[in-house]
């Protein structure tokens, strides 16, 4: 097939699509877009929760290692 024949074939297929079919297609894809938006929000929340947890653990570990080993060993268990 030549390029012009392919172009003519595609042009006929495009012309056959009616406005109603396009509306139906857009209505079918709309819920997927909404779900994708919700998934991005959920992913952002998970990342924020992970960042806060990492920060809390980093501060806790920093407090632990800020003291000397003698102070850590002299502390009562669970303190």
PDB file of N, CA and C in Angstrom:
ATOM      1  N   UNK A   1       0.840  -1.185   0.000  1.00  0.00           N
ATOM      2  CA  UNK A   1       0.000   0.000   0.000  1.00  0.00           C
ATOM      3  C   UNK A   1       0.882   1.245   0.000  1.00  0.00           C
ATOM      4  N   UNK A   2       0.409   2.195  -0.717  1.00  0.00           N
ATOM      5  CA  UNK A   2       1.147   3.450  -0.750  1.00  0.00           C
ATOM      6  C   UNK A   2       0.695   4.323   0.414  1.00  0.00           C
ATOM      7  N   UNK A   3       1.458   5.349   0.617  1.00  0.00           N
ATOM      8  CA  UNK A   3       1.142   6.268   1.721  1.00  0.00           C
ATOM      9  C   UNK A   3      -0.201   6.941   1.492  1.00  0.00           C
ATOM     10  N   UNK A   4      -0.482   7.319   0.263  1.00  0.00           N
ATOM     11  CA  UNK A   4      -1.752   7.993  -0.012  1.00  0.00           C
ATOM     12  C   UNK A   4      -2.935   7.045   0.188  1.00  0.00           C
ATOM     13  N   UNK A   5      -2.763   5.755  -0.118  1.00  0.00           N
ATOM     14  CA  UNK A   5      -3.844   4.788   0.097  1.00  0.00           C
ATOM     15  C   UNK A   5      -4.110   4.605   1.584  1.00  0.00           C
ATOM     16  N   UNK A   6      -3.049   4.538   2.362  1.00  0.00           N
ATOM     17  CA  UNK A   6      -3.216   4.418   3.818  1.00  0.00           C
ATOM     18  C   UNK A   6      -3.900   5.663   4.360  1.00  0.00           C
ATOM     19  N   UNK A   7      -3.496   6.822   3.865  1.00  0.00           N
ATOM     20  CA  UNK A   7      -4.099   8.076   4.326  1.00  0.00           C
ATOM     21  C   UNK A   7      -5.592   8.116   4.000  1.00  0.00           C
ATOM     22  N   UNK A   8      -5.960   7.681   2.801  1.00  0.00           N
ATOM     23  CA  UNK A   8      -7.371   7.673   2.421  1.00  0.00           C
ATOM     24  C   UNK A   8      -8.168   6.699   3.276  1.00  0.00           C
ATOM     25  N   UNK A   9      -7.594   5.543   3.550  1.00  0.00           N
ATOM     26  CA  UNK A   9      -8.282   4.557   4.385  1.00  0.00           C
ATOM     27  C   UNK A   9      -8.510   5.095   5.792  1.00  0.00           C
ATOM     28  N   UNK A  10      -7.485   5.713   6.370  1.00  0.00           N
ATOM     29  CA  UNK A  10      -7.625   6.280   7.712  1.00  0.00           C
ATOM     30  C   UNK A  10      -8.618   7.433   7.726  1.00  0.00           C
ATOM     31  N   UNK A  11      -8.620   8.230   6.677  1.00  0.00           N
ATOM     32  CA  UNK A  11      -9.562   9.349   6.598  1.00  0.00           C
ATOM     33  C   UNK A  11     -11.002   8.854   6.586  1.00  0.00           C
ATOM     34  N   UNK A  12     -11.272   7.767   5.858  1.00  0.00           N
ATOM     35  CA  UNK A  12     -12.624   7.207   5.816  1.00  0.00           C
ATOM     36  C   UNK A  12     -13.033   6.681   7.188  1.00  0.00           C
ATOM     37  N   UNK A  13     -12.079   6.032   7.898  1.00  0.00           N
ATOM     38  CA  UNK A  13     -12.393   5.509   9.229  1.00  0.00           C
ATOM     39  C   UNK A  13     -12.682   6.630  10.204  1.00  0.00           C
ATOM     40  N   UNK A  14     -11.945   7.722  10.096  1.00  0.00           N
ATOM     41  CA  UNK A  14     -12.163   8.857  10.992  1.00  0.00           C
ATOM     42  C   UNK A  14     -13.508   9.505  10.709  1.00  0.00           C
ATOM     43  N   UNK A  15     -13.873   9.615   9.451  1.00  0.00           N
ATOM     44  CA  UNK A  15     -15.142  10.236   9.090  1.00  0.00           C
ATOM     45  C   UNK A  15     -16.327   9.407   9.565  1.00  0.00           C
ATOM     46  N   UNK A  16     -16.160   8.088   9.676  1.00  0.00           N
ATOM     47  CA  UNK A  16     -17.257   7.220  10.078  1.00  0.00           C
ATOM     48  C   UNK A  16     -17.580   7.319  11.567  1.00  0.00           C
ATOM     49  N   UNK A  17     -16.681   7.859  12.364  1.00  0.00           N
ATOM     50  CA  UNK A  17     -16.928   7.990  13.799  1.00  0.00           C
ATOM     51  C   UNK A  17     -17.884   9.161  14.018  1.00  0.00           C
ATOM     52  N   UNK A  18     -18.992   8.872  14.652  1.00  0.00           N
ATOM     53  CA  UNK A  18     -19.988   9.927  14.867  1.00  0.00           C
ATOM     54  C   UNK A  18     -19.731  10.634  16.191  1.00  0.00           C
ATOM     55  N   UNK A  19     -20.418  11.733  16.360  1.00  0.00           N
ATOM     56  CA  UNK A  19     -20.287  12.491  17.600  1.00  0.00           C
ATOM     57  C   UNK A  19     -20.803  11.693  18.795  1.00  0.00           C
ATOM     58  N   UNK A  20     -21.849  10.922  18.578  1.00  0.00           N
ATOM     59  CA  UNK A  20     -22.407  10.106  19.661  1.00  0.00           C
ATOM     60  C   UNK A  20     -21.387   9.073  20.142  1.00  0.00           C
ATOM     61  N   UNK A  21     -20.687   8.458  19.200  1.00  0.00           N
ATOM     62  CA  UNK A  21     -19.670   7.474  19.579  1.00  0.00           C
ATOM     63  C   UNK A  21     -18.546   8.128  20.368  1.00  0.00           C
ATOM     64  N   UNK A  22     -18.176   9.334  19.965  1.00  0.00           N
ATOM     65  CA  UNK A  22     -17.135  10.045  20.689  1.00  0.00           C
ATOM     66  C   UNK A  22     -17.593  10.405  22.104  1.00  0.00           C
ATOM     67  N   UNK A  23     -18.860  10.811  22.238  1.00  0.00           N
ATOM     68  CA  UNK A  23     -19.385  11.117  23.571  1.00  0.00           C
ATOM     69  C   UNK A  23     -19.401   9.878  24.458  1.00  0.00           C
ATOM     70  N   UNK A  24     -19.820   8.751  23.891  1.00  0.00           N
ATOM     71  CA  UNK A  24     -19.831   7.501  24.659  1.00  0.00           C
ATOM     72  C   UNK A  24     -18.432   7.114  25.098  1.00  0.00           C
ATOM     73  N   UNK A  25     -17.471   7.286  24.209  1.00  0.00           N
ATOM     74  CA  UNK A  25     -16.094   6.949  24.553  1.00  0.00           C
ATOM     75  C   UNK A  25     -15.565   7.856  25.658  1.00  0.00           C
ATOM     76  N   UNK A  26     -15.891   9.132  25.604  1.00  0.00           N
ATOM     77  CA  UNK A  26     -15.415  10.047  26.640  1.00  0.00           C
ATOM     78  C   UNK A  26     -16.085   9.756  27.980  1.00  0.00           C
ATOM     79  N   UNK A  27     -17.343   9.324  27.959  1.00  0.00           N
ATOM     80  CA  UNK A  27     -18.027   8.969  29.205  1.00  0.00           C
ATOM     81  C   UNK A  27     -17.462   7.689  29.806  1.00  0.00           C
ATOM     82  N   UNK A  28     -17.007   6.767  28.961  1.00  0.00           N
ATOM     83  CA  UNK A  28     -16.411   5.531  29.465  1.00  0.00           C
ATOM     84  C   UNK A  28     -15.044   5.795  30.082  1.00  0.00           C
ATOM     85  N   UNK A  29     -14.260   6.714  29.550  1.00  0.00           N
ATOM     86  CA  UNK A  29     -12.915   6.952  30.053  1.00  0.00           C
ATOM     87  C   UNK A  29     -12.899   7.912  31.239  1.00  0.00           C
ATOM     88  N   UNK A  30     -13.966   8.656  31.447  1.00  0.00           N
ATOM     89  CA  UNK A  30     -14.011   9.634  32.537  1.00  0.00           C
ATOM     90  C   UNK A  30     -13.829   9.007  33.919  1.00  0.00           C
ATOM     91  N   UNK A  31     -14.482   7.891  34.251  1.00  0.00           N
ATOM     92  CA  UNK A  31     -14.256   7.294  35.581  1.00  0.00           C
ATOM     93  C   UNK A  31     -12.807   6.865  35.801  1.00  0.00           C
ATOM     94  N   UNK A  32     -12.135   6.432  34.734  1.00  0.00           N
ATOM     95  CA  UNK A  32     -10.736   6.029  34.877  1.00  0.00           C
ATOM     96  C   UNK A  32      -9.859   7.216  35.253  1.00  0.00           C
ATOM     97  N   UNK A  33     -10.161   8.366  34.698  1.00  0.00           N
ATOM     98  CA  UNK A  33      -9.400   9.566  35.028  1.00  0.00           C
ATOM     99  C   UNK A  33      -9.629   9.944  36.482  1.00  0.00           C
ATOM    100  N   UNK A  34     -10.871   9.825  36.964  1.00  0.00           N
ATOM    101  CA  UNK A  34     -11.170  10.142  38.359  1.00  0.00           C
ATOM    102  C   UNK A  34     -10.454   9.173  39.303  1.00  0.00           C
ATOM    103  N   UNK A  35     -10.453   7.893  38.947  1.00  0.00           N
ATOM    104  CA  UNK A  35      -9.776   6.895  39.782  1.00  0.00           C
ATOM    105  C   UNK A  35      -8.276   7.171  39.809  1.00  0.00           C
ATOM    106  N   UNK A  36      -7.715   7.533  38.667  1.00  0.00           N
ATOM    107  CA  UNK A  36      -6.280   7.838  38.617  1.00  0.00           C
ATOM    108  C   UNK A  36      -5.943   9.026  39.509  1.00  0.00           C
ATOM    109  N   UNK A  37      -6.798  10.030  39.524  1.00  0.00           N
ATOM    110  CA  UNK A  37      -6.583  11.183  40.406  1.00  0.00           C
ATOM    111  C   UNK A  37      -6.618  10.782  41.871  1.00  0.00           C
ATOM    112  N   UNK A  38      -7.570   9.927  42.219  1.00  0.00           N
ATOM    113  CA  UNK A  38      -7.656   9.446  43.599  1.00  0.00           C
ATOM    114  C   UNK A  38      -6.425   8.636  43.981  1.00  0.00           C
ATOM    115  N   UNK A  39      -5.923   7.838  43.056  1.00  0.00           N
ATOM    116  CA  UNK A  39      -4.724   7.044  43.338  1.00  0.00           C
ATOM    117  C   UNK A  39      -3.506   7.940  43.573  1.00  0.00           C
ATOM    118  N   UNK A  40      -3.395   9.042  42.817  1.00  0.00           N
ATOM    119  CA  UNK A  40      -2.291   9.966  43.046  1.00  0.00           C
ATOM    120  C   UNK A  40      -2.377  10.582  44.445  1.00  0.00           C
ATOM    121  N   UNK A  41      -3.583  10.905  44.895  1.00  0.00           N
ATOM    122  CA  UNK A  41      -3.756  11.471  46.238  1.00  0.00           C
ATOM    123  C   UNK A  41      -3.356  10.440  47.300  1.00  0.00           C
ATOM    124  N   UNK A  42      -3.759   9.201  47.106  1.00  0.00           N
ATOM    125  CA  UNK A  42      -3.411   8.141  48.062  1.00  0.00           C
ATOM    126  C   UNK A  42      -1.899   7.940  48.106  1.00  0.00           C
ATOM    127  N   UNK A  43      -1.266   7.929  46.948  1.00  0.00           N
ATOM    128  CA  UNK A  43       0.196   7.763  46.901  1.00  0.00           C
ATOM    129  C   UNK A  43       0.885   8.932  47.603  1.00  0.00           C
ATOM    130  N   UNK A  44       0.397  10.135  47.404  1.00  0.00           N
ATOM    131  CA  UNK A  44       0.988  11.298  48.068  1.00  0.00           C
ATOM    132  C   UNK A  44       0.851  11.177  49.579  1.00  0.00           C
ATOM    133  N   UNK A  45      -0.290  10.698  50.069  1.00  0.00           N
ATOM    134  CA  UNK A  45      -0.468  10.528  51.507  1.00  0.00           C
ATOM    135  C   UNK A  45       0.478   9.467  52.061  1.00  0.00           C
ATOM    136  N   UNK A  46       0.656   8.372  51.331  1.00  0.00           N
ATOM    137  CA  UNK A  46       1.561   7.317  51.779  1.00  0.00           C
ATOM    138  C   UNK A  46       2.990   7.846  51.867  1.00  0.00           C
ATOM    139  N   UNK A  47       3.395   8.622  50.880  1.00  0.00           N
ATOM    140  CA  UNK A  47       4.750   9.190  50.898  1.00  0.00           C
ATOM    141  C   UNK A  47       4.915  10.155  52.065  1.00  0.00           C
ATOM    142  N   UNK A  48       3.900  10.964  52.338  1.00  0.00           N
ATOM    143  CA  UNK A  48       3.996  11.904  53.460  1.00  0.00           C
ATOM    144  C   UNK A  48       4.058  11.167  54.799  1.00  0.00           C
ATOM    145  N   UNK A  49       3.257  10.120  54.951  1.00  0.00           N
ATOM    146  CA  UNK A  49       3.288   9.341  56.189  1.00  0.00           C
ATOM    147  C   UNK A  49       4.655   8.680  56.352  1.00  0.00           C
ATOM    148  N   UNK A  50       5.210   8.170  55.263  1.00  0.00           N
ATOM    149  CA  UNK A  50       6.536   7.550  55.314  1.00  0.00           C
ATOM    150  C   UNK A  50       7.600   8.568  55.703  1.00  0.00           C
ATOM    151  N   UNK A  51       7.507   9.775  55.173  1.00  0.00           N
ATOM    152  CA  UNK A  51       8.483  10.816  55.490  1.00  0.00           C
ATOM    153  C   UNK A  51       8.414  11.209  56.962  1.00  0.00           C
ATOM    154  N   UNK A  52       7.213  11.343  57.495  1.00  0.00           N
ATOM    155  CA  UNK A  52       7.059  11.706  58.909  1.00  0.00           C
ATOM    156  C   UNK A  52       7.582  10.586  59.804  1.00  0.00           C
ATOM    157  N   UNK A  53       7.288   9.336  59.437  1.00  0.00           N
ATOM    158  CA  UNK A  53       7.783   8.200  60.214  1.00  0.00           C
ATOM    159  C   UNK A  53       9.303   8.148  60.175  1.00  0.00           C
ATOM    160  N   UNK A  54       9.890   8.345  58.996  1.00  0.00           N
ATOM    161  CA  UNK A  54      11.348   8.349  58.873  1.00  0.00           C
ATOM    162  C   UNK A  54      11.956   9.458  59.721  1.00  0.00           C
ATOM    163  N   UNK A  55      11.346  10.628  59.716  1.00  0.00           N
ATOM    164  CA  UNK A  55      11.857  11.752  60.501  1.00  0.00           C
ATOM    165  C   UNK A  55      11.791  11.450  61.994  1.00  0.00           C
ATOM    166  N   UNK A  56      10.683  10.859  62.454  1.00  0.00           N
ATOM    167  CA  UNK A  56      10.553  10.513  63.873  1.00  0.00           C
ATOM    168  C   UNK A  56      11.599   9.476  64.276  1.00  0.00           C
ATOM    169  N   UNK A  57      11.834   8.485  63.438  1.00  0.00           N
ATOM    170  CA  UNK A  57      12.847   7.474  63.743  1.00  0.00           C
ATOM    171  C   UNK A  57      14.249   8.076  63.738  1.00  0.00           C
ATOM    172  N   UNK A  58      14.506   9.001  62.831  1.00  0.00           N
ATOM    173  CA  UNK A  58      15.814   9.644  62.770  1.00  0.00           C
ATOM    174  C   UNK A  58      16.076  10.469  64.027  1.00  0.00           C
ATOM    175  N   UNK A  59      15.064  11.186  64.494  1.00  0.00           N
ATOM    176  CA  UNK A  59      15.217  11.982  65.712  1.00  0.00           C
ATOM    177  C   UNK A  59      15.427  11.063  66.914  1.00  0.00           C
ATOM    178  N   UNK A  60      14.675   9.980  66.971  1.00  0.00           N
ATOM    179  CA  UNK A  60      14.813   9.027  68.072  1.00  0.00           C
ATOM    180  C   UNK A  60      16.204   8.401  68.095  1.00  0.00           C
ATOM    181  N   UNK A  61      16.686   7.988  66.937  1.00  0.00           N
ATOM    182  CA  UNK A  61      18.026   7.408  66.867  1.00  0.00           C
ATOM    183  C   UNK A  61      19.088   8.451  67.194  1.00  0.00           C
ATOM    184  N   UNK A  62      18.878   9.671  66.768  1.00  0.00           N
ATOM    185  CA  UNK A  62      19.821  10.747  67.093  1.00  0.00           C
ATOM    186  C   UNK A  62      19.887  11.004  68.578  1.00  0.00           C
ATOM    187  N   UNK A  63      18.741  10.993  69.242  1.00  0.00           N
ATOM    188  CA  UNK A  63      18.727  11.171  70.698  1.00  0.00           C
ATOM    189  C   UNK A  63      19.462  10.035  71.400  1.00  0.00           C
ATOM    190  N   UNK A  64      19.276   8.823  70.912  1.00  0.00           N
ATOM    191  CA  UNK A  64      19.911   7.659  71.530  1.00  0.00           C
ATOM    192  C   UNK A  64      21.428   7.746  71.412  1.00  0.00           C
ATOM    193  N   UNK A  65      21.924   8.045  70.226  1.00  0.00           N
ATOM    194  CA  UNK A  65      23.367   8.058  70.015  1.00  0.00           C
ATOM    195  C   UNK A  65      24.011   9.384  70.405  1.00  0.00           C
ATOM    196  N   UNK A  66      23.244  10.348  70.834  1.00  0.00           N
ATOM    197  CA  UNK A  66      23.783  11.627  71.271  1.00  0.00           C
ATOM    198  C   UNK A  66      24.489  11.481  72.618  1.00  0.00           C
ATOM    199  N   UNK A  67      24.055  10.532  73.425  1.00  0.00           N
ATOM    200  CA  UNK A  67      24.669  10.316  74.737  1.00  0.00           C
ATOM    201  C   UNK A  67      25.829   9.336  74.609  1.00  0.00           C
ATOM    202  N   UNK A  68      26.718   9.372  75.606  1.00  0.00           N
ATOM    203  CA  UNK A  68      27.869   8.474  75.566  1.00  0.00           C
ATOM    204  C   UNK A  68      27.434   7.039  75.871  1.00  0.00           C
ATOM    205  N   UNK A  69      28.295   6.100  75.539  1.00  0.00           N
ATOM    206  CA  UNK A  69      27.973   4.691  75.760  1.00  0.00           C
ATOM    207  C   UNK A  69      27.834   4.408  77.253  1.00  0.00           C
ATOM    208  N   UNK A  70      28.611   5.067  78.095  1.00  0.00           N
ATOM    209  CA  UNK A  70      28.518   4.854  79.548  1.00  0.00           C
ATOM    210  C   UNK A  70      27.142   5.268  80.054  1.00  0.00           C
ATOM    211  N   UNK A  71      26.607   6.369  79.564  1.00  0.00           N
ATOM    212  CA  UNK A  71      25.278   6.838  79.996  1.00  0.00           C
ATOM    213  C   UNK A  71      24.214   5.848  79.515  1.00  0.00           C
ATOM    214  N   UNK A  72      24.345   5.351  78.283  1.00  0.00           N
ATOM    215  CA  UNK A  72      23.371   4.418  77.750  1.00  0.00           C
ATOM    216  C   UNK A  72      23.381   3.117  78.540  1.00  0.00           C
ATOM    217  N   UNK A  73      24.566   2.621  78.913  1.00  0.00           N
ATOM    218  CA  UNK A  73      24.671   1.377  79.660  1.00  0.00           C
ATOM    219  C   UNK A  73      24.186   1.540  81.098  1.00  0.00           C
ATOM    220  N   UNK A  74      24.313   2.727  81.655  1.00  0.00           N
ATOM    221  CA  UNK A  74      23.915   2.950  83.045  1.00  0.00           C
ATOM    222  C   UNK A  74      22.396   3.148  83.172  1.00  0.00           C
ATOM    223  N   UNK A  75      21.719   3.387  82.084  1.00  0.00           N
ATOM    224  CA  UNK A  75      20.289   3.640  82.123  1.00  0.00           C
ATOM    225  C   UNK A  75      19.539   2.362  82.466  1.00  0.00           C
ATOM    226  N   UNK A  76      18.406   2.525  83.131  1.00  0.00           N
ATOM    227  CA  UNK A  76      17.555   1.392  83.482  1.00  0.00           C
ATOM    228  C   UNK A  76      16.899   0.889  82.205  1.00  0.00           C
ATOM    229  N   UNK A  77      16.745  -0.410  82.098  1.00  0.00           N
ATOM    230  CA  UNK A  77      16.139  -0.990  80.903  1.00  0.00           C
ATOM    231  C   UNK A  77      14.731  -0.444  80.692  1.00  0.00           C
ATOM    232  N   UNK A  78      14.439  -0.041  79.490  1.00  0.00           N
ATOM    233  CA  UNK A  78      13.118   0.482  79.149  1.00  0.00           C
ATOM    234  C   UNK A  78      12.977   1.966  79.346  1.00  0.00           C
ATOM    235  N   UNK A  79      14.029   2.652  79.737  1.00  0.00           N
ATOM    236  CA  UNK A  79      13.920   4.095  79.965  1.00  0.00           C
ATOM    237  C   UNK A  79      14.274   4.883  78.731  1.00  0.00           C
TER     238      UNK A  79
END
